[in-house]
Protein backbone atom coordinates (compact mmCIF):
# COMPACT_ATOMS: atom_id res chain seq x y z
CA MET A 1 -127.04 14.36 157.49
CA ARG A 2 -124.47 15.82 159.85
CA SER A 3 -121.21 13.90 160.30
CA LEU A 4 -118.04 14.46 162.30
CA LEU A 5 -114.88 14.32 160.25
CA SER A 6 -112.10 12.04 161.33
CA GLY A 7 -110.43 10.07 158.56
CA PRO A 8 -106.71 9.68 157.98
CA PRO A 9 -104.43 12.49 159.10
CA GLY A 10 -103.16 14.95 156.53
CA PRO A 11 -99.59 16.20 156.16
CA PRO A 12 -98.01 17.91 159.17
CA ASP A 13 -98.39 21.67 159.39
CA ARG A 14 -95.46 24.03 159.85
CA GLY A 15 -95.46 23.41 163.60
CA GLY A 16 -95.09 19.67 163.09
CA ARG A 17 -98.71 18.89 163.99
CA SER A 18 -100.62 16.43 161.86
CA GLY A 19 -103.33 18.03 159.77
CA ARG A 20 -106.70 16.56 158.80
CA ALA A 21 -107.58 15.08 155.43
CA THR A 22 -109.14 17.83 153.29
CA PRO A 23 -112.96 17.50 153.15
CA PRO A 24 -114.53 17.56 149.65
CA LEU A 25 -116.23 20.96 150.08
CA LEU A 26 -112.92 22.54 151.05
CA ALA A 27 -110.98 20.71 148.31
CA ASP A 28 -113.54 21.95 145.76
CA LEU A 29 -112.31 25.52 146.33
CA SER A 30 -109.08 24.70 144.47
CA GLY A 31 -109.07 26.31 141.03
CA GLN A 32 -111.81 28.81 141.91
CA THR A 33 -111.35 32.58 141.81
CA LEU A 34 -112.30 34.70 144.82
CA VAL A 35 -114.78 37.37 143.72
CA HIS A 36 -115.77 39.31 146.84
CA THR A 37 -114.96 39.97 150.48
CA ARG A 38 -117.11 41.76 153.03
CA VAL A 39 -116.54 42.73 156.63
CA ALA A 40 -119.01 43.53 159.42
CA ALA A 41 -119.04 43.59 163.20
CA ARG A 42 -119.84 39.87 163.22
CA GLY A 43 -116.84 38.87 161.10
CA THR A 44 -115.44 38.47 157.60
CA TRP A 45 -116.85 36.69 154.54
CA THR A 46 -114.86 35.57 151.48
CA VAL A 47 -116.84 34.48 148.41
CA SER A 48 -115.67 32.20 145.60
CA GLY A 49 -116.73 32.29 141.96
CA ARG A 50 -118.98 29.25 142.39
CA GLY A 51 -120.82 30.70 145.37
CA SER A 52 -118.98 29.14 148.29
CA VAL A 53 -118.63 31.42 151.33
CA LEU A 54 -115.96 31.17 154.03
CA SER A 55 -117.00 33.13 157.13
CA SER A 56 -115.15 33.63 160.41
CA ARG A 57 -114.55 36.28 163.07
CA THR A 58 -111.34 37.30 161.36
CA GLN A 59 -109.34 36.29 158.28
CA LEU A 60 -105.65 37.03 157.93
CA LEU A 61 -103.25 37.13 155.00
CA GLU A 62 -99.67 35.87 155.14
CA GLY A 63 -96.75 35.44 152.78
CA PRO A 64 -93.86 37.27 151.10
CA ALA A 65 -96.14 38.59 148.35
CA LEU A 66 -97.77 40.99 150.84
CA ALA A 67 -96.31 44.50 151.00
CA PRO A 68 -94.35 45.13 154.22
CA GLY A 69 -96.28 47.01 156.87
CA THR A 70 -99.72 46.32 155.43
CA ASP A 71 -102.62 45.21 157.60
CA PRO A 72 -102.88 41.40 157.35
CA ALA A 73 -106.62 41.43 158.08
CA VAL A 74 -108.90 40.88 155.08
CA GLY A 75 -110.95 44.00 154.36
CA LEU A 76 -114.06 44.96 152.41
CA ARG A 77 -113.62 44.19 148.69
CA ASP A 78 -109.97 43.59 149.53
CA PRO A 79 -107.98 44.06 146.27
CA ARG A 80 -105.33 41.63 147.52
CA VAL A 81 -107.95 38.86 147.69
CA VAL A 82 -110.52 39.69 145.00
CA GLY A 83 -109.34 38.13 141.75
CA ALA A 84 -106.91 35.74 143.46
CA ARG A 85 -107.07 32.08 142.47
CA VAL A 86 -107.29 29.32 145.06
CA LEU A 87 -104.29 27.04 144.55
CA GLY A 88 -105.09 24.71 147.43
CA ALA A 89 -106.83 24.38 150.79
CA GLU A 90 -105.88 22.55 153.95
CA LEU A 91 -106.81 22.00 157.60
CA PRO A 92 -103.81 22.15 159.95
CA GLY A 93 -104.16 20.30 163.23
CA ASP A 94 -105.51 23.26 165.23
CA GLY A 95 -108.70 23.59 163.14
CA THR A 96 -107.55 26.68 161.24
CA VAL A 97 -108.42 26.62 157.54
CA ARG A 98 -105.69 27.81 155.19
CA LEU A 99 -106.22 28.76 151.55
CA SER A 100 -103.15 28.99 149.32
CA LEU A 101 -103.79 31.81 146.86
CA GLY A 102 -102.15 33.01 143.69
CA GLY A 103 -102.35 36.76 143.13
CA ALA A 104 -100.87 39.40 140.86
CA HIS A 105 -97.79 39.74 143.07
CA GLY A 106 -97.20 36.06 143.77
CA PRO A 107 -98.50 33.34 146.11
CA PHE A 108 -99.83 34.08 149.59
CA GLY A 109 -102.08 32.50 152.19
CA LEU A 110 -105.45 33.26 153.78
CA LEU A 111 -106.00 31.95 157.31
CA ALA A 112 -109.34 31.62 159.14
CA PRO A 113 -108.92 30.44 162.75
CA PRO A 114 -111.83 28.62 164.40
CA PRO A 115 -114.69 29.06 164.70
CA TRP A 116 -115.40 29.30 160.98
CA ARG A 117 -118.01 28.16 158.49
CA LEU A 118 -117.76 27.20 154.80
CA GLU A 119 -121.08 27.14 152.93
CA GLY A 120 -121.36 25.72 149.42
CA PRO A 121 -124.04 25.11 146.79
CA ARG A 122 -127.22 23.22 147.64
CA GLY A 123 -126.86 23.64 151.39
CA ALA A 124 -123.47 21.98 151.80
CA ARG A 125 -121.66 23.14 154.96
CA LEU A 126 -118.36 22.58 156.71
CA VAL A 127 -118.14 24.02 160.23
CA ALA A 128 -115.33 24.36 162.77
CA ASP A 129 -116.31 24.98 166.39
CA GLU A 130 -114.38 26.97 169.01
CA GLU A 131 -112.11 24.01 169.79
CA GLY A 132 -111.41 23.25 166.12
CA GLY A 133 -113.77 20.29 165.89
CA ILE A 134 -115.02 19.84 162.32
CA SER A 135 -118.52 18.79 161.23
CA GLU A 136 -119.93 18.46 157.74
CA VAL A 137 -123.34 18.59 156.07
CA PRO A 138 -123.31 17.27 152.47
CA ALA A 139 -125.07 18.97 149.58
CA GLY A 140 -128.77 18.26 149.23
CA ALA A 141 -131.40 18.81 146.55
CA PRO A 142 -131.33 21.88 144.26
CA VAL A 143 -132.39 25.10 145.91
CA HIS A 144 -132.72 27.51 142.97
CA GLY A 145 -133.01 25.09 140.05
CA THR A 146 -135.84 22.82 141.16
CA GLU A 147 -138.08 21.17 138.56
CA ALA A 148 -141.03 23.34 139.58
CA THR A 149 -138.98 26.55 139.35
CA LEU A 150 -137.55 25.64 135.95
CA ALA A 151 -141.03 24.81 134.64
CA ALA A 152 -142.38 28.16 135.88
CA HIS A 153 -139.50 30.01 134.24
CA ALA A 154 -140.02 28.15 130.95
CA ALA A 155 -143.73 29.05 130.93
CA SER A 156 -143.13 32.72 131.69
CA ARG A 157 -143.21 35.56 129.18
CA PRO A 158 -140.65 38.39 129.02
CA SER A 159 -141.44 41.24 131.39
CA GLY A 160 -140.69 44.85 130.61
CA ILE A 161 -137.49 44.88 132.61
CA GLU A 162 -136.37 41.65 130.94
CA LEU A 163 -136.95 43.14 127.50
CA ARG A 164 -134.80 46.09 128.47
CA LEU A 165 -132.05 43.73 129.58
CA LEU A 166 -132.28 41.81 126.32
CA GLY A 167 -132.00 45.13 124.51
CA ARG A 168 -128.76 45.84 126.36
CA ALA A 169 -127.45 42.43 125.28
CA ARG A 170 -127.65 43.53 121.63
CA GLU A 171 -124.53 45.61 122.22
CA ARG A 172 -122.48 43.28 124.42
CA PRO A 173 -122.97 40.34 126.81
CA LEU A 174 -124.87 41.21 129.97
CA HIS A 175 -123.40 41.00 133.43
CA PRO A 176 -125.23 41.08 136.80
CA GLY A 177 -124.45 44.77 137.24
CA ASP A 178 -126.75 45.48 134.29
CA VAL A 179 -129.55 43.76 136.17
CA VAL A 180 -128.80 45.84 139.26
CA GLU A 181 -129.01 49.06 137.21
CA GLU A 182 -132.36 48.09 135.69
CA LEU A 183 -133.74 47.16 139.11
CA VAL A 184 -132.67 50.56 140.44
CA SER A 185 -134.47 52.22 137.51
CA ALA A 186 -137.56 50.13 138.31
CA GLY A 187 -137.59 51.38 141.92
CA ALA A 188 -135.73 48.68 143.87
CA LEU A 189 -134.32 50.02 147.13
CA GLU A 190 -133.42 47.29 149.63
CA ASP A 191 -130.59 44.77 149.29
CA GLU A 192 -133.07 41.96 149.93
CA GLU A 193 -135.05 42.99 146.86
CA PHE A 194 -131.96 42.90 144.62
CA ALA A 195 -131.00 39.49 146.02
CA ARG A 196 -134.52 38.14 145.43
CA ARG A 197 -135.31 39.58 142.02
CA GLY A 198 -131.88 39.70 140.35
CA PRO A 199 -131.21 35.96 139.99
CA VAL A 200 -134.82 35.28 139.04
CA LEU A 201 -134.67 37.77 136.16
CA LEU A 202 -131.52 36.15 134.77
CA ALA A 203 -132.81 32.61 135.32
CA ARG A 204 -136.07 33.28 133.47
CA MET A 205 -134.24 34.59 130.40
CA VAL A 206 -131.76 31.72 130.46
CA VAL A 207 -134.44 29.03 130.82
CA ARG A 208 -136.53 30.54 128.00
CA GLY A 209 -133.41 30.33 125.83
CA GLU A 210 -133.05 34.09 125.32
CA LEU A 211 -129.65 34.32 127.03
CA LEU A 212 -126.69 31.96 127.03
CA ALA A 213 -124.51 31.84 130.16
CA GLY A 214 -120.74 31.81 129.95
CA PHE A 215 -117.72 33.99 130.56
CA VAL A 216 -115.73 36.59 128.66
CA VAL A 217 -112.12 35.53 128.07
CA GLU A 218 -109.74 37.95 126.32
CA GLY A 219 -112.70 39.94 125.03
CA ALA A 220 -114.57 36.96 123.56
CA PHE A 221 -117.68 35.31 124.99
CA ARG A 222 -117.38 31.60 125.68
CA ALA A 223 -120.51 29.66 126.55
CA TRP A 224 -120.53 27.17 129.38
CA SER A 225 -121.29 23.48 128.84
CA LEU A 226 -123.25 23.27 132.10
CA SER A 227 -126.81 21.93 132.02
CA MET A 228 -129.71 24.35 132.40
CA PRO A 229 -130.45 23.33 136.03
CA GLU A 230 -126.75 23.74 136.89
CA VAL A 231 -126.66 27.24 135.39
CA VAL A 232 -129.79 28.33 137.27
CA GLU A 233 -128.47 26.86 140.53
CA HIS A 234 -125.16 28.65 140.01
CA ILE A 235 -126.83 32.02 139.35
CA GLY A 236 -128.98 31.81 142.48
CA THR A 237 -126.26 30.40 144.74
CA THR A 238 -123.59 32.89 143.74
CA TRP A 239 -125.83 35.98 143.80
CA GLU A 240 -127.04 34.98 147.26
CA ALA A 241 -123.44 34.48 148.41
CA ILE A 242 -122.24 37.86 147.11
CA GLY A 243 -125.35 39.60 148.35
CA GLY A 244 -127.72 42.44 147.53
CA ARG A 245 -126.76 44.89 144.80
CA THR A 246 -123.05 43.98 144.83
CA PRO A 247 -122.84 41.56 141.82
CA GLY A 248 -121.17 43.09 138.77
CA PRO A 249 -118.80 42.26 135.89
CA ASP A 250 -116.80 39.03 136.23
CA MET A 251 -118.99 37.89 139.12
CA ILE A 252 -121.43 35.00 138.59
CA ALA A 253 -121.37 34.94 134.74
CA TRP A 254 -121.80 36.88 131.50
CA PHE A 255 -124.88 36.37 129.34
CA ALA A 256 -124.99 36.52 125.53
CA LEU A 257 -128.12 37.20 123.47
CA THR A 258 -129.43 34.26 121.44
CA ASP A 259 -131.67 34.10 118.37
CA ALA A 260 -134.60 33.46 120.70
CA GLY A 261 -133.67 36.61 122.59
CA ARG A 262 -133.60 38.67 119.40
CA GLU A 263 -136.98 37.23 118.44
CA ALA A 264 -138.37 38.14 121.86
CA LEU A 265 -137.30 41.74 121.34
CA GLY A 266 -138.96 42.09 117.92
CA PRO A 267 -141.78 44.65 117.69
CA ALA A 268 -142.56 44.11 121.39
CA GLY A 269 -139.08 45.26 122.46
CA PRO A 270 -138.54 47.86 125.17
CA GLU A 271 -138.71 50.70 122.68
CA ALA A 272 -142.37 49.77 122.06
CA LEU A 273 -143.36 49.94 125.74
CA PRO A 274 -145.36 52.94 126.97
CA PRO A 275 -143.38 55.39 129.11
CA GLY A 276 -142.90 54.26 132.70
CA MET A 277 -143.63 50.59 132.04
CA SER A 278 -140.08 49.23 132.14
CA GLY A 279 -140.52 47.47 135.49
CA TYR A 280 -144.32 47.20 135.71
CA ASP A 281 -144.66 43.47 135.14
CA SER A 282 -141.26 42.43 136.44
CA PRO A 283 -141.42 39.37 138.74
CA GLY A 284 -141.32 40.24 142.41
CA VAL A 285 -142.53 43.85 142.09
CA VAL A 286 -144.83 44.80 144.94
CA GLY A 287 -146.38 47.85 146.46
CA PRO A 288 -146.16 51.22 144.69
CA PHE A 289 -143.86 49.82 141.98
CA ARG A 290 -146.33 47.16 140.78
């Protein structure tokens, strides 16, 4: 359901104008890390670690932490933004969205003037039009972690490419870049194919209990306490937000091998597959690579 935001006014901005109360989707950005930025003719996209995407025609950086003389416009994989933590988010009275960020060189701000769009998990959206009017669409039902999808994943059997990924996880936790590499080896070419097959491969192994999702902190793997549907929804949402073959280390999650994963490898591991079969029965393979 679409709703126009009014509500009580927020604190005045630096020009003395009253800001709006911060909508939940925008407030939820606080505490998240920004993992990717991309730029095209249509505008700029900034992606958070939980798969939210802020898009606008332009996004500008401000603050004393920025080096003098540098371009304030956010660029592709901008090192000033990627890895920064969102300290807060607000809507000044003119409809501009401002993110307060903490980076390696101190705090700074990211500004997106209207029109802009913030998309979150499960179809949630917050949109500013040309005049700064704000509308909101709340989150709906799961998109990637539906009951039917989870049941299909649970009933699946490891494909050749999945066994190869599990084999990699014997040495260290997997990250999405490992999946990208295996898809390249299996013949994937288009960004759409990576975006479609990558999250499905990870979700199948997670749902079957062969991989455990978490993050690597100071060299040690720490499992998440999220439910299985939440993990699958996160994988799909965040890969889709980052796009194509871009996901890599410290994006989305890390994945540790479990006892079930070691059992799945067993005598039917990738080393037992006939030559050329690594991607043969991988989900989503079509055409000459099937």
